[in-house]
C-alpha atoms as a PDB file:
ATOM      1  CA  MET A   1      -0.034   0.195  -0.253  1.00  0.00           C
ATOM      2  CA  LYS A   2       1.167   3.430  -0.276  1.00  0.00           C
ATOM      3  CA  LYS A   3       1.240   6.113   2.026  1.00  0.00           C
ATOM      4  CA  ALA A   4      -0.065   9.630   1.398  1.00  0.00           C
ATOM      5  CA  GLU A   5       2.703  12.462   1.356  1.00  0.00           C
ATOM      6  CA  VAL A   6       1.936  16.400   2.436  1.00  0.00           C
ATOM      7  CA  GLY A   7      -0.868  18.007  -0.328  1.00  0.00           C
ATOM      8  CA  ASN A   8      -2.750  14.653  -1.144  1.00  0.00           C
ATOM      9  CA  ILE A   9      -6.392  14.111  -0.683  1.00  0.00           C
ATOM     10  CA  ILE A  10      -7.316  11.113   1.081  1.00  0.00           C
ATOM     11  CA  GLU A  11     -10.849   9.648   1.987  1.00  0.00           C
ATOM     12  CA  PHE A  12     -11.527   7.805   5.181  1.00  0.00           C
ATOM     13  CA  LYS A  13     -14.616   6.605   7.636  1.00  0.00           C
ATOM     14  CA  ASN A  14     -17.481   6.830   5.316  1.00  0.00           C
ATOM     15  CA  GLY A  15     -16.470   9.480   2.767  1.00  0.00           C
ATOM     16  CA  LEU A  16     -14.584  12.405   5.179  1.00  0.00           C
ATOM     17  CA  ARG A  17     -12.009  13.810   3.062  1.00  0.00           C
ATOM     18  CA  GLY A  18      -8.821  15.813   4.162  1.00  0.00           C
ATOM     19  CA  ILE A  19      -5.740  17.287   3.102  1.00  0.00           C
ATOM     20  CA  VAL A  20      -2.685  15.401   4.708  1.00  0.00           C
ATOM     21  CA  GLU A  21      -0.537  17.779   6.770  1.00  0.00           C
ATOM     22  CA  LYS A  22       1.762  15.890   8.149  1.00  0.00           C
ATOM     23  CA  VAL A  23       2.918  11.621   7.523  1.00  0.00           C
ATOM     24  CA  ASN A  24       4.061  10.015  10.817  1.00  0.00           C
ATOM     25  CA  GLU A  25       5.216   6.469  10.392  1.00  0.00           C
ATOM     26  CA  ASN A  26       2.015   4.791  11.403  1.00  0.00           C
ATOM     27  CA  SER A  27      -0.601   7.345  10.585  1.00  0.00           C
ATOM     28  CA  VAL A  28      -0.995  11.046   8.698  1.00  0.00           C
ATOM     29  CA  ILE A  29      -2.772  14.456  10.172  1.00  0.00           C
ATOM     30  CA  VAL A  30      -5.421  15.371   8.076  1.00  0.00           C
ATOM     31  CA  ASP A  31      -7.078  18.755   7.810  1.00  0.00           C
ATOM     32  CA  LEU A  32     -10.489  18.435   7.818  1.00  0.00           C
ATOM     33  CA  THR A  33     -11.623  22.225   6.653  1.00  0.00           C
ATOM     34  CA  TYR A  34     -10.798  21.093   2.902  1.00  0.00           C
ATOM     35  CA  MET A  35     -14.599  19.242   3.159  1.00  0.00           C
ATOM     36  CA  GLU A  36     -17.580  21.754   1.838  1.00  0.00           C
ATOM     37  CA  ASN A  37     -19.670  20.353   4.934  1.00  0.00           C
ATOM     38  CA  TYR A  38     -17.010  20.589   7.312  1.00  0.00           C
ATOM     39  CA  ARG A  39     -18.858  23.506   9.468  1.00  0.00           C
ATOM     40  CA  GLU A  40     -22.423  21.815   9.484  1.00  0.00           C
ATOM     41  CA  LEU A  41     -20.265  17.760  10.748  1.00  0.00           C
ATOM     42  CA  ASP A  42     -19.606  19.655  14.132  1.00  0.00           C
ATOM     43  CA  LEU A  43     -15.943  18.310  13.442  1.00  0.00           C
ATOM     44  CA  GLN A  44     -12.488  19.235  14.800  1.00  0.00           C
ATOM     45  CA  GLU A  45     -10.092  20.607  12.417  1.00  0.00           C
ATOM     46  CA  ARG A  46      -7.474  17.846  12.678  1.00  0.00           C
ATOM     47  CA  THR A  47      -7.339  14.052  12.924  1.00  0.00           C
ATOM     48  CA  VAL A  48      -4.968  11.044  13.009  1.00  0.00           C
ATOM     49  CA  VAL A  49      -5.535   8.465  10.299  1.00  0.00           C
ATOM     50  CA  ASN A  50      -3.723   5.129  10.419  1.00  0.00           C
ATOM     51  CA  HIS A  51      -2.288   4.133   6.955  1.00  0.00           C
ATOM     52  CA  LYS A  52      -4.340   1.403   6.887  1.00  0.00           C
ATOM     53  CA  ASN A  53      -7.434   3.538   7.244  1.00  0.00           C
ATOM     54  CA  TYR A  54      -7.154   5.577   3.765  1.00  0.00           C
ATOM     55  CA  LYS A  55      -7.586   5.722   0.352  1.00  0.00           C
ATOM     56  CA  ILE A  56      -5.522   8.628  -1.879  1.00  0.00           C
ATOM     57  CA  ILE A  57      -7.898  10.212  -4.154  1.00  0.00           C
ATOM     58  CA  LYS A  58      -5.282  13.053  -5.671  1.00  0.00           C
END
């Protein structure tokens, strides 16, 4: 499986999308404000996603 790089857009957990801000050994830190409906979902700005749990969109 290919690991995401900083700046990639990834999809995870039932269609959530975000921009990768930092790549760690086992996970990535993702900025969720990329999504248009971010405010409606009442989520925090960033989250951590394990490399096994996302798909690279672009």
